[in-house]
Protein backbone atom coordinates (compact mmCIF):
# COMPACT_ATOMS: atom_id res chain seq x y z
CA MET A 1 106.62 128.23 -12.67
CA LYS A 2 105.85 124.50 -12.54
CA ALA A 3 102.28 123.37 -13.27
CA LEU A 4 100.30 120.24 -14.12
CA CYS A 5 98.98 120.55 -17.68
CA TRP A 6 96.51 118.63 -19.81
CA ASN A 7 98.37 117.32 -22.87
CA GLY A 8 95.62 115.40 -24.65
CA PRO A 9 93.11 112.66 -23.77
CA GLY A 10 94.43 110.62 -20.87
CA ARG A 11 97.72 112.54 -20.69
CA VAL A 12 98.80 115.03 -18.03
CA GLY A 13 102.31 116.18 -17.22
CA VAL A 14 104.22 118.71 -15.13
CA GLY A 15 105.86 121.43 -17.20
CA THR A 16 107.12 125.01 -17.03
CA VAL A 17 104.57 127.75 -17.84
CA PRO A 18 104.50 131.55 -17.43
CA ASP A 19 103.67 132.89 -13.97
CA PRO A 20 100.17 134.39 -13.65
CA THR A 21 99.81 138.15 -13.42
CA VAL A 22 97.12 140.55 -12.22
CA ARG A 23 94.99 141.11 -15.33
CA ASN A 24 92.03 142.91 -13.78
CA GLU A 25 91.82 145.30 -10.86
CA GLN A 26 89.91 142.80 -8.70
CA ASP A 27 92.40 139.92 -9.12
CA ILE A 28 94.71 138.41 -6.55
CA ILE A 29 97.68 136.11 -7.12
CA VAL A 30 97.94 133.23 -4.68
CA LYS A 31 101.00 131.12 -3.95
CA VAL A 32 99.60 127.59 -3.76
CA ARG A 33 100.44 125.65 -0.61
CA GLN A 34 98.34 122.57 -1.37
CA SER A 35 96.00 121.48 -4.17
CA ALA A 36 93.81 118.38 -4.49
CA THR A 37 92.42 116.09 -7.17
CA CYS A 38 88.67 116.17 -7.85
CA GLY A 39 86.32 113.75 -9.58
CA SER A 40 85.19 116.45 -12.00
CA ASP A 41 88.77 116.55 -13.31
CA LEU A 42 88.53 112.97 -14.58
CA PRO A 43 86.26 113.64 -17.60
CA LEU A 44 88.57 116.56 -18.47
CA VAL A 45 91.69 114.40 -18.23
CA ALA A 46 89.97 111.72 -20.33
CA GLY A 47 89.20 114.23 -23.08
CA GLN A 48 85.44 114.32 -22.53
CA ILE A 49 85.19 118.10 -21.97
CA PRO A 50 84.88 120.14 -25.20
CA LEU A 51 87.30 122.83 -26.38
CA ALA A 52 90.25 121.72 -24.23
CA HIS A 53 93.69 122.70 -25.54
CA ALA A 54 97.00 121.02 -24.82
CA GLY A 55 99.05 122.89 -22.25
CA GLU A 56 96.15 124.16 -20.13
CA ILE A 57 96.69 124.01 -16.35
CA ILE A 58 94.15 121.86 -14.52
CA GLY A 59 92.96 121.74 -10.90
CA HIS A 60 90.59 123.92 -8.88
CA GLU A 61 90.73 122.98 -5.17
CA PHE A 62 93.55 124.63 -3.22
CA VAL A 63 94.73 126.61 -0.23
CA GLY A 64 97.43 129.23 -0.48
CA GLU A 65 98.92 132.59 0.48
CA VAL A 66 98.14 135.90 -1.20
CA VAL A 67 101.28 137.38 -2.80
CA GLU A 68 99.80 140.15 -4.97
CA VAL A 69 96.52 142.10 -4.99
CA GLY A 70 94.84 144.23 -7.62
CA PRO A 71 94.11 147.90 -6.83
CA GLU A 72 90.36 147.32 -6.35
CA VAL A 73 90.70 144.39 -3.92
CA ARG A 74 89.37 145.34 -0.47
CA ARG A 75 89.10 142.12 1.58
CA HIS A 76 92.54 140.58 1.09
CA ARG A 77 96.12 141.61 1.78
CA VAL A 78 99.48 140.16 0.89
CA GLY A 79 100.24 137.37 3.36
CA ASP A 80 96.62 136.30 3.93
CA ARG A 81 95.90 132.57 3.83
CA VAL A 82 92.91 131.85 1.59
CA VAL A 83 90.83 129.25 -0.17
CA ALA A 84 88.95 130.17 -3.33
CA CYS A 85 85.74 128.89 -4.88
CA PRO A 86 86.32 127.09 -8.18
CA PHE A 87 83.41 128.85 -9.91
CA VAL A 88 84.07 132.48 -10.74
CA SER A 89 81.37 134.89 -9.57
CA CYS A 90 81.28 138.66 -10.11
CA GLY A 91 78.96 139.30 -7.14
CA ARG A 92 76.91 141.91 -9.00
CA CYS A 93 74.92 140.31 -11.83
CA TRP A 94 71.28 139.15 -11.50
CA PHE A 95 72.29 135.57 -10.69
CA CYS A 96 74.86 136.55 -8.07
CA GLU A 97 72.33 138.88 -6.44
CA HIS A 98 69.87 135.97 -6.33
CA ASP A 99 72.37 133.70 -4.53
CA LEU A 100 73.26 131.63 -7.62
CA PRO A 101 76.98 132.43 -8.01
CA ALA A 102 77.78 129.37 -10.16
CA CYS A 103 75.35 130.81 -12.73
CA CYS A 104 77.15 134.18 -12.87
CA ASP A 105 76.76 136.06 -16.15
CA ASN A 106 80.19 137.69 -15.96
CA GLY A 107 82.43 134.85 -14.78
CA ASN A 108 82.71 133.00 -18.09
CA SER A 109 84.32 134.67 -21.06
CA GLY A 110 83.60 131.57 -23.17
CA ALA A 111 79.87 131.48 -22.43
CA LEU A 112 78.84 131.39 -26.09
CA ALA A 113 80.56 128.03 -26.48
CA ALA A 114 78.19 126.48 -23.92
CA GLU A 115 74.91 128.26 -24.63
CA ASP A 116 74.02 126.26 -27.74
CA THR A 117 74.59 123.00 -25.88
CA TRP A 118 73.02 123.76 -22.51
CA GLY A 119 70.67 126.63 -23.30
CA GLY A 120 72.64 128.90 -21.00
CA ALA A 121 76.18 128.89 -19.67
CA ALA A 122 77.40 128.22 -16.18
CA SER A 123 79.99 130.55 -14.72
CA GLY A 124 83.64 130.01 -15.48
CA CYS A 125 85.62 127.50 -13.43
CA LEU A 126 89.29 127.43 -12.55
CA GLY A 127 91.18 124.72 -14.39
CA PHE A 128 88.58 124.10 -17.12
CA PRO A 129 88.73 124.92 -20.84
CA GLU A 130 87.10 127.59 -22.95
CA ALA A 131 83.47 126.50 -22.53
CA MET A 132 83.89 127.20 -18.82
CA GLY A 133 86.01 130.31 -19.02
CA GLY A 134 89.46 128.99 -19.82
CA PHE A 135 90.92 130.02 -16.45
CA ALA A 136 94.27 128.52 -15.50
CA GLY A 137 93.99 125.94 -12.73
CA SER A 138 95.52 125.46 -9.31
CA HIS A 139 97.88 122.50 -9.75
CA ALA A 140 100.67 125.04 -10.00
CA GLU A 141 103.01 127.15 -7.92
CA TYR A 142 100.77 130.22 -8.36
CA VAL A 143 97.18 130.84 -9.44
CA ARG A 144 95.20 133.95 -10.38
CA VAL A 145 91.84 134.37 -8.61
CA PRO A 146 89.43 136.76 -10.40
CA PHE A 147 86.88 138.86 -8.47
CA ALA A 148 88.83 137.98 -5.35
CA ASP A 149 86.59 139.81 -2.88
CA GLN A 150 83.73 137.60 -4.01
CA ASN A 151 85.53 134.30 -4.59
CA ALA A 152 88.37 134.03 -2.05
CA PHE A 153 87.96 133.57 1.71
CA GLY A 154 90.39 133.98 4.56
CA VAL A 155 91.20 130.84 6.53
CA PRO A 156 90.75 131.15 10.33
CA GLU A 157 93.96 130.88 12.31
CA GLY A 158 92.98 127.62 14.00
CA VAL A 159 92.21 125.75 10.78
CA SER A 160 95.15 123.88 9.23
CA ASP A 161 95.96 123.89 5.51
CA ASP A 162 95.17 120.15 5.47
CA ARG A 163 91.63 120.86 6.64
CA ALA A 164 90.92 124.16 4.87
CA LEU A 165 91.98 122.70 1.52
CA PHE A 166 88.63 120.95 1.07
CA ALA A 167 86.36 123.80 2.19
CA ALA A 168 85.97 125.47 -1.19
CA ASP A 169 84.97 122.45 -3.25
CA ALA A 170 84.54 118.91 -1.88
CA VAL A 171 82.94 119.85 1.43
CA SER A 172 80.91 122.78 0.10
CA THR A 173 79.63 120.69 -2.83
CA GLY A 174 78.53 117.94 -0.47
CA TRP A 175 76.94 120.47 1.88
CA MET A 176 75.07 122.04 -1.03
CA GLY A 177 73.59 118.66 -1.97
CA ALA A 178 72.29 118.08 1.55
CA GLU A 179 71.02 121.61 2.12
CA ARG A 180 69.36 122.11 -1.26
CA SER A 181 67.65 118.73 -1.05
CA GLN A 182 66.13 120.06 2.19
CA VAL A 183 67.49 117.47 4.59
CA GLY A 184 65.85 118.02 7.96
CA ALA A 185 65.37 116.52 11.38
CA GLY A 186 64.34 112.88 11.33
CA ASP A 187 65.03 112.27 7.62
CA VAL A 188 66.53 109.13 6.15
CA VAL A 189 69.09 110.13 3.53
CA ALA A 190 70.72 107.85 0.93
CA VAL A 191 73.93 108.94 -0.81
CA TRP A 192 75.24 107.23 -3.93
CA GLY A 193 79.05 107.42 -4.02
CA ALA A 194 81.58 107.44 -1.18
CA GLY A 195 84.15 109.67 -2.78
CA ALA A 196 85.03 112.91 -1.05
CA VAL A 197 81.87 114.72 -2.22
CA GLY A 198 79.56 111.85 -1.28
CA LEU A 199 81.21 111.56 2.11
CA ALA A 200 80.86 115.32 2.62
CA ALA A 201 77.17 115.12 1.67
CA ALA A 202 76.69 112.32 4.20
CA ARG A 203 78.44 114.31 6.95
CA ALA A 204 76.40 117.41 6.07
CA ALA A 205 73.15 115.44 6.22
CA SER A 206 74.02 114.29 9.75
CA LEU A 207 74.87 117.82 10.86
CA LEU A 208 71.60 119.07 9.36
CA GLY A 209 69.62 116.68 11.54
CA ALA A 210 69.08 113.51 9.49
CA GLU A 211 68.12 110.56 11.67
CA ARG A 212 69.88 108.03 9.43
CA VAL A 213 72.33 108.38 6.54
CA ILE A 214 73.04 105.45 4.22
CA VAL A 215 75.99 105.53 1.78
CA ILE A 216 76.11 103.26 -1.28
CA ASP A 217 79.41 102.26 -2.89
CA ARG A 218 81.38 99.15 -3.87
CA TYR A 219 84.80 99.82 -2.32
CA GLN A 220 85.12 98.60 1.24
CA TYR A 221 87.72 101.20 2.25
CA ARG A 222 85.36 103.98 1.16
CA LEU A 223 82.42 102.38 2.95
CA ASP A 224 84.58 102.09 6.07
CA LEU A 225 85.39 105.80 5.82
CA ALA A 226 81.68 106.60 5.45
CA THR A 227 81.07 104.89 8.78
CA GLU A 228 84.15 106.27 10.54
CA TRP A 229 84.10 109.86 9.23
CA ALA A 230 80.47 110.54 8.35
CA GLY A 231 78.74 108.26 10.87
CA ALA A 232 76.76 106.59 8.10
CA GLU A 233 75.30 103.17 7.51
CA THR A 234 76.54 101.56 4.30
CA ILE A 235 75.44 99.34 1.42
CA ASP A 236 77.85 97.51 -0.90
CA TYR A 237 75.96 97.40 -4.19
CA HIS A 238 77.96 94.36 -5.31
CA GLU A 239 76.69 92.41 -2.34
CA THR A 240 73.00 93.31 -2.18
CA ASP A 241 70.07 94.73 -4.15
CA VAL A 242 70.20 98.43 -3.31
CA HIS A 243 66.54 99.17 -3.98
CA GLY A 244 65.31 96.26 -1.88
CA GLU A 245 67.75 97.00 0.92
CA LEU A 246 66.71 100.66 1.12
CA ARG A 247 63.05 99.66 1.26
CA GLU A 248 63.84 97.15 4.00
CA ARG A 249 65.65 99.79 6.07
CA THR A 250 62.90 102.41 5.69
CA GLY A 251 59.79 100.40 6.50
CA GLY A 252 58.90 100.01 2.83
CA ARG A 253 58.76 103.73 1.98
CA GLY A 254 62.23 104.51 0.68
CA PRO A 255 64.58 107.33 1.76
CA ASP A 256 63.22 110.84 2.22
CA VAL A 257 66.21 112.28 0.35
CA CYS A 258 68.44 110.65 -2.27
CA ILE A 259 71.72 112.32 -3.28
CA GLU A 260 73.68 111.19 -6.35
CA ALA A 261 77.42 111.93 -6.05
CA VAL A 262 78.89 109.78 -8.82
CA GLY A 263 78.42 111.61 -12.13
CA MET A 264 80.03 110.37 -15.33
CA GLN A 265 82.07 107.65 -13.63
CA PRO A 266 79.41 105.07 -12.63
CA HIS A 267 80.44 101.47 -12.00
CA ASN A 268 77.67 99.06 -12.87
CA SER A 269 77.98 95.30 -12.71
CA GLY A 270 77.24 92.43 -15.10
CA PRO A 271 76.00 93.16 -18.64
CA GLN A 272 75.40 96.83 -17.81
CA LEU A 273 79.10 97.27 -16.99
CA LEU A 274 80.09 95.84 -20.37
CA TYR A 275 77.51 98.06 -22.07
CA ASP A 276 78.85 101.21 -20.41
CA ARG A 277 82.44 100.32 -21.27
CA ALA A 278 81.52 99.71 -24.91
CA LYS A 279 79.81 103.10 -25.11
CA LYS A 280 82.89 104.85 -23.77
CA GLN A 281 85.12 103.06 -26.28
CA ILE A 282 83.06 104.25 -29.25
CA ARG A 283 82.47 107.71 -27.65
CA PHE A 284 78.70 107.21 -27.74
CA SER A 285 77.07 110.59 -27.19
CA THR A 286 75.03 109.80 -24.07
CA GLU A 287 75.70 108.51 -20.58
CA ARG A 288 73.52 106.04 -18.71
CA PRO A 289 73.30 107.57 -15.22
CA SER A 290 72.70 104.37 -13.30
CA PRO A 291 73.10 106.02 -9.85
CA VAL A 292 70.71 108.80 -10.88
CA GLU A 293 68.18 106.25 -12.05
CA GLN A 294 68.55 104.28 -8.82
CA ALA A 295 68.14 107.42 -6.73
CA VAL A 296 64.89 108.36 -8.48
CA LEU A 297 63.45 104.85 -8.25
CA ALA A 298 64.50 104.36 -4.61
CA CYS A 299 63.29 107.72 -3.26
CA ARG A 300 60.02 107.68 -1.33
CA LYS A 301 56.95 109.25 -2.89
CA GLY A 302 57.03 113.02 -2.42
CA GLY A 303 60.74 112.93 -1.63
CA ASN A 304 63.72 114.93 -2.88
CA VAL A 305 66.51 113.88 -5.25
CA PHE A 306 69.66 115.91 -5.78
CA VAL A 307 72.16 115.27 -8.60
CA LEU A 308 75.65 116.35 -7.50
CA GLY A 309 77.74 114.42 -10.03
CA LEU A 310 79.22 116.07 -13.13
CA PHE A 311 77.53 115.40 -16.47
CA THR A 312 78.73 117.05 -19.68
CA ARG A 313 76.43 115.40 -22.22
CA PRO A 314 72.77 114.33 -22.44
CA VAL A 315 71.77 111.17 -20.62
CA GLU A 316 69.62 108.26 -21.67
CA ARG A 317 66.94 106.46 -19.71
CA PHE A 318 66.26 109.23 -17.24
CA PRO A 319 63.11 107.99 -15.42
CA LEU A 320 60.92 111.06 -15.87
CA ASP A 321 57.84 108.90 -15.56
CA ALA A 322 58.86 107.93 -12.02
CA VAL A 323 59.56 111.57 -11.14
CA MET A 324 56.01 112.52 -12.14
CA HIS A 325 54.09 109.57 -10.74
CA LYS A 326 55.96 109.68 -7.41
CA SER A 327 55.67 113.48 -7.04
CA LEU A 328 59.42 113.84 -6.66
CA THR A 329 61.42 117.05 -6.58
CA VAL A 330 64.67 116.70 -8.56
CA ARG A 331 67.33 119.40 -8.31
CA SER A 332 70.92 119.85 -9.42
CA ALA A 333 73.53 122.59 -9.53
CA GLN A 334 77.11 123.43 -10.13
CA GLN A 335 78.72 124.31 -6.84
CA HIS A 336 77.53 127.57 -5.27
CA GLY A 337 80.47 127.58 -2.89
CA GLN A 338 80.32 131.28 -2.09
CA ARG A 339 77.19 130.52 -0.04
CA TYR A 340 78.89 127.98 2.17
CA VAL A 341 82.65 128.47 2.53
CA PRO A 342 82.67 130.97 5.46
CA MET A 343 80.20 128.84 7.42
CA LEU A 344 82.16 125.66 6.67
CA LEU A 345 85.45 127.20 7.76
CA GLU A 346 83.78 128.11 11.06
CA ARG A 347 82.54 124.54 11.47
CA MET A 348 86.04 123.29 10.69
CA ALA A 349 87.40 125.59 13.39
CA ARG A 350 84.93 123.94 15.83
CA ASP A 351 86.10 120.43 14.77
CA GLU A 352 82.68 119.58 13.34
CA ILE A 353 84.22 118.78 9.94
CA ARG A 354 87.69 117.21 10.00
CA ALA A 355 88.17 117.29 6.26
CA GLU A 356 91.86 116.39 6.35
CA ARG A 357 90.74 112.76 6.63
CA LEU A 358 89.73 112.93 2.95
CA ALA A 359 93.40 113.26 1.92
CA THR A 360 94.72 109.73 1.62
CA HIS A 361 97.79 110.43 -0.53
CA ARG A 362 100.23 113.34 -0.37
CA MET A 363 103.04 113.99 -2.82
CA PRO A 364 105.02 116.79 -4.46
CA LEU A 365 103.54 118.48 -7.52
CA GLU A 366 106.13 116.74 -9.70
CA GLU A 367 104.39 113.42 -8.92
CA ALA A 368 100.89 114.71 -9.77
CA PRO A 369 100.48 112.44 -12.85
CA LYS A 370 100.97 109.45 -10.56
CA GLY A 371 98.48 110.96 -8.11
CA TYR A 372 95.85 111.22 -10.83
CA GLU A 373 96.43 107.60 -11.83
CA LEU A 374 95.88 106.47 -8.24
CA PHE A 375 92.81 108.69 -7.95
CA ARG A 376 91.30 107.61 -11.28
CA ASP A 377 91.86 103.90 -10.67
CA ARG A 378 90.94 104.07 -6.96
CA ALA A 379 94.24 102.32 -6.39
CA ASP A 380 95.96 101.96 -3.02
CA GLN A 381 92.69 103.02 -1.29
CA CYS A 382 92.93 106.54 -2.74
CA VAL A 383 90.12 108.98 -1.87
CA ARG A 384 91.92 112.24 -2.70
CA ALA A 385 95.52 112.93 -3.70
CA VAL A 386 97.04 116.19 -2.45
CA PHE A 387 99.97 117.94 -4.15
CA THR A 388 102.48 120.36 -2.65
CA PRO A 389 104.36 122.64 -5.08
């Protein structure tokens, strides 16, 4: 089959690889109908994720049709249309039973590679290397989904592929950030980053009852989409002081909830931008999480901060002093999509979340390297590129 493979830092290409097969009794094989780029792929493509090997298939957000089922699969049949959570959950370990599927003990065969670094491994993830399970990804004609009864979900008849595509990752990640930061009625919520996940977090905050949602970014087309699609106010951080503007808009208190949705790809300005670029060039071992720092400093006293962006190494200048003195609650997580996907598909069926708007570029799988260039460089107003095998 054809698949998009990682071929070394900064290099991806479409090649021919073996078709996936049922390896365990709870597997399904899915024929991919559409797959999408994701911001968490960019550090992998750049060579910033450890233990990656040339030839590995990348990608983890897709919609497709079941073409083969293992003998122990009970919830899926050949011909079903499904989306699947990127993080692999067994459904039976202590963490799965405590509603923490992205922490599953049995979904990552390469867990030992991550335990020394992080003090405990996350579950495996489709399209990521050994430290996160080494599962083949979804930018391919076919993909194997382990523990399918736990990780794959049928798409309602009235929900199009274009819309369902984003249920398992972008929209569920954004929803998780809003829900787990306890957004409630009357809150003012600030979201750093107007990519697909930040936009989804903003939309989720509105649906959860926030009185005002403010999205911070520097690209006008993304800010326009935040207003049009998520109903949010916006701040262009190149045009104004974010901290001062948020205080001005909240009567001097600051937002009740601050959600960071940028991760390892921050875009600072002035000397800080040059500093960050220099660090990347010399592969300096830490990241300066400017949006995280801003979120902590901007949040009102006693408020909640949620870190949604992907970080793979320690960070410098994390303002722990501000967290303590302001009585903040700071949370983060890999995506516990199994909690949210069925509910989100129902909301999509009711037109509450029209996620197809996040797809700005569509192309055949053969053009996926070009799609990743557009996505990485935010060229041609790209929010997400979608590939069709």
